[in-house]
Protein backbone atom coordinates (compact mmCIF):
# COMPACT_ATOMS: atom_id res chain seq x y z
CA UNK A 1 -134.35 8.44 13.51
CA UNK A 2 -132.58 5.32 12.43
CA UNK A 3 -133.26 2.37 14.50
CA UNK A 4 -130.14 0.51 12.96
CA UNK A 5 -127.44 -0.39 15.53
CA UNK A 6 -123.92 -0.22 14.72
CA UNK A 7 -122.12 -3.30 13.91
CA UNK A 8 -119.67 -5.36 16.32
CA UNK A 9 -116.14 -4.19 15.82
CA UNK A 10 -115.13 -7.83 14.49
CA UNK A 11 -117.32 -7.41 11.59
CA UNK A 12 -115.37 -4.04 10.58
CA UNK A 13 -112.27 -5.93 10.91
CA UNK A 14 -113.49 -9.00 8.72
CA UNK A 15 -114.29 -6.55 5.99
CA UNK A 16 -110.83 -4.87 6.23
CA UNK A 17 -109.04 -7.92 6.08
CA UNK A 18 -111.13 -9.15 2.97
CA UNK A 19 -110.62 -6.21 1.14
CA UNK A 20 -106.66 -6.39 1.83
CA UNK A 21 -106.68 -9.70 0.74
CA UNK A 22 -108.59 -8.98 -2.52
CA UNK A 23 -106.08 -5.99 -3.13
CA UNK A 24 -103.03 -8.33 -2.56
CA UNK A 25 -104.60 -10.75 -5.25
CA UNK A 26 -105.02 -8.06 -7.67
CA UNK A 27 -101.64 -6.85 -7.49
CA UNK A 28 -100.33 -10.54 -7.76
CA UNK A 29 -102.40 -10.95 -10.90
CA UNK A 30 -101.05 -7.56 -12.29
CA UNK A 31 -97.49 -8.71 -11.41
CA UNK A 32 -98.05 -12.13 -13.06
CA UNK A 33 -99.60 -10.46 -16.26
CA UNK A 34 -96.62 -8.00 -16.70
CA UNK A 35 -94.19 -10.67 -16.53
CA UNK A 36 -95.82 -13.15 -18.81
CA UNK A 37 -95.63 -10.15 -21.42
CA UNK A 38 -92.33 -9.37 -20.75
CA UNK A 39 -91.44 -13.18 -21.48
CA UNK A 40 -93.40 -13.50 -24.65
CA UNK A 41 -92.01 -10.42 -26.49
CA UNK A 42 -90.93 -7.52 -24.30
CA UNK A 43 -87.08 -9.06 -23.86
CA UNK A 44 -86.82 -9.31 -27.55
CA UNK A 45 -87.76 -5.79 -28.19
CA UNK A 46 -85.42 -4.48 -25.46
CA UNK A 47 -82.55 -6.71 -26.90
CA UNK A 48 -83.42 -5.00 -30.42
CA UNK A 49 -83.43 -1.72 -29.02
CA UNK A 50 -79.95 -2.49 -27.28
CA UNK A 51 -78.45 -3.69 -30.42
CA UNK A 52 -79.53 -0.73 -32.73
CA UNK A 53 -78.05 1.87 -30.28
CA UNK A 54 -74.48 2.91 -31.59
CA UNK A 55 -71.83 1.50 -29.44
CA UNK A 56 -69.59 4.32 -28.06
CA UNK A 57 -66.20 4.83 -29.71
CA UNK A 58 -63.02 6.77 -29.02
CA UNK A 59 -61.41 8.05 -31.93
CA UNK A 60 -57.66 8.32 -32.13
CA UNK A 61 -55.36 10.00 -34.66
CA UNK A 62 -53.89 7.46 -37.15
CA UNK A 63 -50.33 6.82 -36.79
CA UNK A 64 -48.18 7.29 -39.89
CA UNK A 65 -44.98 5.45 -40.27
CA UNK A 66 -42.30 7.02 -42.41
CA UNK A 67 -41.73 5.34 -45.48
CA UNK A 68 -38.54 3.06 -45.45
CA UNK A 69 -35.89 4.41 -47.88
CA UNK A 70 -34.84 2.00 -50.41
CA UNK A 71 -31.65 0.26 -50.08
CA UNK A 72 -29.14 1.10 -52.91
CA UNK A 73 -27.72 -1.88 -54.57
CA UNK A 74 -24.41 -2.87 -53.58
CA UNK A 75 -22.05 -2.53 -56.34
CA UNK A 76 -19.73 -5.96 -56.51
CA UNK A 77 -16.11 -5.20 -55.69
CA UNK A 78 -13.96 -5.28 -58.66
CA UNK A 79 -11.73 -8.31 -58.97
CA UNK A 80 -8.04 -7.69 -59.16
CA UNK A 81 -6.42 -9.67 -62.04
CA UNK A 82 -2.87 -9.95 -63.00
CA UNK A 83 -3.82 -10.14 -66.79
CA UNK A 84 -5.63 -6.85 -66.81
CA UNK A 85 -3.54 -3.49 -66.85
CA UNK A 86 -4.92 -0.16 -66.02
CA UNK A 87 -5.57 1.98 -69.21
CA UNK A 88 -2.74 4.35 -70.05
CA UNK A 89 -3.21 8.03 -68.66
CA UNK A 90 -2.40 9.37 -71.83
CA UNK A 91 -1.45 8.08 -75.17
CA UNK A 92 1.37 9.21 -77.96
CA UNK A 93 3.46 11.16 -75.44
CA UNK A 94 4.85 11.26 -72.06
CA UNK A 95 6.44 13.95 -69.82
CA UNK A 96 7.60 14.09 -66.07
CA UNK A 97 4.28 15.22 -65.04
CA UNK A 98 2.67 11.99 -66.49
CA UNK A 99 4.90 9.80 -64.01
CA UNK A 100 3.19 8.35 -60.86
CA UNK A 101 5.53 8.59 -57.76
CA UNK A 102 5.06 6.72 -54.73
CA UNK A 103 6.70 7.13 -51.62
CA UNK A 104 7.08 3.93 -49.00
CA UNK A 105 8.83 3.77 -45.68
CA UNK A 106 9.61 0.12 -44.89
CA UNK A 107 8.02 0.48 -41.56
CA UNK A 108 5.30 2.46 -40.12
CA UNK A 109 7.23 3.62 -36.95
CA UNK A 110 10.90 3.41 -35.92
CA UNK A 111 12.78 3.46 -32.46
CA UNK A 112 14.95 6.53 -32.35
CA UNK A 113 18.50 5.72 -33.38
CA UNK A 114 17.58 3.19 -36.08
CA UNK A 115 18.19 4.10 -39.64
CA UNK A 116 14.68 3.74 -41.77
CA UNK A 117 14.83 2.61 -45.24
CA UNK A 118 12.70 4.51 -47.77
CA UNK A 119 11.51 3.29 -51.14
CA UNK A 120 10.48 5.31 -54.45
CA UNK A 121 8.28 3.66 -57.24
CA UNK A 122 7.94 5.37 -60.28
CA UNK A 123 5.53 4.30 -62.82
CA UNK A 124 4.77 5.28 -66.49
CA UNK A 125 0.86 5.06 -67.12
CA UNK A 126 0.98 6.08 -70.98
CA UNK A 127 1.87 3.90 -73.77
CA UNK A 128 4.89 5.70 -74.67
CA UNK A 129 8.38 5.65 -73.14
CA UNK A 130 9.23 8.40 -70.91
CA UNK A 131 12.62 9.86 -71.18
CA UNK A 132 13.71 12.35 -68.16
CA UNK A 133 16.92 13.98 -67.59
CA UNK A 134 17.53 13.33 -64.01
CA UNK A 135 20.40 15.81 -63.96
CA UNK A 136 18.05 18.71 -64.61
CA UNK A 137 15.37 17.03 -62.35
CA UNK A 138 16.71 15.89 -59.46
CA UNK A 139 15.55 12.28 -57.96
CA UNK A 140 15.32 12.81 -54.20
CA UNK A 141 14.08 11.36 -50.82
CA UNK A 142 12.71 14.09 -48.34
CA UNK A 143 11.37 13.95 -44.65
CA UNK A 144 9.01 16.59 -43.25
CA UNK A 145 8.07 17.24 -39.75
CA UNK A 146 4.30 16.53 -40.04
CA UNK A 147 3.53 19.17 -36.99
CA UNK A 148 5.46 21.95 -38.64
CA UNK A 149 5.68 21.06 -42.33
CA UNK A 150 9.57 21.76 -41.91
CA UNK A 151 11.79 19.81 -43.94
CA UNK A 152 14.23 17.95 -41.81
CA UNK A 153 16.18 15.90 -44.14
CA UNK A 154 16.85 15.04 -47.71
CA UNK A 155 19.15 12.45 -49.26
CA UNK A 156 20.98 15.01 -51.62
CA UNK A 157 21.88 17.37 -48.98
CA UNK A 158 24.90 15.48 -48.00
CA UNK A 159 25.18 12.74 -51.04
CA UNK A 160 24.75 12.61 -54.60
CA UNK A 161 21.21 11.42 -55.76
CA UNK A 162 20.89 7.50 -56.07
CA UNK A 163 20.33 7.85 -60.00
CA UNK A 164 21.52 10.86 -62.16
CA UNK A 165 21.56 11.20 -65.83
CA UNK A 166 19.26 10.29 -68.65
CA UNK A 167 16.71 7.74 -67.51
CA UNK A 168 14.07 6.01 -69.46
CA UNK A 169 10.95 5.07 -67.80
CA UNK A 170 9.30 2.47 -70.07
CA UNK A 171 5.87 2.48 -71.08
CA UNK A 172 3.38 0.79 -68.59
CA UNK A 173 6.24 -0.25 -66.25
CA UNK A 174 7.50 0.72 -62.84
CA UNK A 175 11.06 1.54 -61.71
CA UNK A 176 12.08 1.47 -57.77
CA UNK A 177 14.75 3.02 -55.84
CA UNK A 178 15.47 3.19 -52.23
CA UNK A 179 17.61 5.21 -49.66
CA UNK A 180 18.73 4.57 -46.14
CA UNK A 181 18.24 7.50 -43.57
CA UNK A 182 20.71 8.02 -40.69
CA UNK A 183 17.78 9.34 -38.60
CA UNK A 184 19.80 12.74 -38.34
CA UNK A 185 18.76 16.38 -39.54
CA UNK A 186 20.62 17.97 -42.38
CA UNK A 187 20.59 21.02 -44.38
CA UNK A 188 22.23 21.27 -47.88
CA UNK A 189 25.88 21.59 -47.43
CA UNK A 190 25.72 21.20 -43.34
CA UNK A 191 26.71 17.68 -43.13
CA UNK A 192 28.82 17.81 -39.83
CA UNK A 193 27.59 17.39 -36.37
CA UNK A 194 23.92 16.47 -37.47
CA UNK A 195 21.66 16.16 -34.62
CA UNK A 196 19.51 13.03 -34.21
CA UNK A 197 16.00 13.48 -35.11
CA UNK A 198 13.52 13.98 -32.26
CA UNK A 199 10.67 11.54 -31.50
CA UNK A 200 7.34 12.81 -33.33
CA UNK A 201 5.29 12.28 -36.42
CA UNK A 202 7.11 12.76 -39.82
CA UNK A 203 6.24 12.19 -43.26
CA UNK A 204 8.19 11.04 -46.37
CA UNK A 205 8.09 12.42 -50.10
CA UNK A 206 9.70 11.16 -52.81
CA UNK A 207 10.40 13.66 -55.92
CA UNK A 208 11.72 13.68 -59.30
CA UNK A 209 11.99 17.48 -60.36
CA UNK A 210 8.81 19.05 -59.31
CA UNK A 211 6.87 15.81 -59.54
CA UNK A 212 6.25 14.57 -55.91
CA UNK A 213 4.51 11.69 -54.32
CA UNK A 214 1.69 11.86 -51.63
CA UNK A 215 3.07 12.16 -48.15
CA UNK A 216 3.76 8.89 -46.24
CA UNK A 217 3.56 9.02 -42.85
CA UNK A 218 5.77 7.56 -40.06
CA UNK A 219 6.76 7.79 -36.53
CA UNK A 220 9.80 8.17 -34.50
CA UNK A 221 9.48 6.59 -30.95
C-alpha cells in the first residue's frame, strides 16, 4: 500500500499551464520557421510555377475580309477638235443608205396652238459625192404619236417637199432643211378641216426615201 499522498490541486494546475505554454512556444517556432522558409525561396518557386502554367485562351474564328476589286483605270474623255473630222464610213462610193440623217425639233415642248419648227440634217460621211434623186426618194418630215406609234402628220400630205429633183450631197459635208408644222393632223390628200393635235408625247422623223433618222421626241402641252 503506497503512502504517497495526492498532490494539491494547484500543483496540477501549474503543470497544465506550463505544458500549455511550452506547446504555444513550439507552435510559434514552427510558424516562424515556415515563414522564414517561404521568404527565402518558397515564394520564387511559387511564382515560377505560376508563370509556367499556360494562360487560358479563347479561340475565335478569324475574320476574312473580301479582297477589294481593282478599280479600272478611267480613260480620258476624247478632246473635240474642229480640225479633226471623223473618218469616212465608206470609200469609193456613196448611196442613199450611206447618208446620216438627223431630226431636230427646235424646242423640247410646245404649247398647243403654236407652230413647231423642225430641222433635218443630212450628212455624207463618205469620201465620194452622193447624188440622190429626190423625186424618186422623197424628202419629208413626219410626226408620230409616241403612245400609239400612229403617224399624225407629214409635210408632204398637203404640200410639195421642201426640195425635189436631183440633189448632190458633197463628200464629208452636211446639208440642212427645215419645215414648219401647223400643229394639226393630216393625211395624204385630206387637207381640209384638219383637227388640232392633242396634248401628249410625240416624235419626229426626217426621211429621204427609205433612209430615216432616229426618233426625236417632243411634247405638246
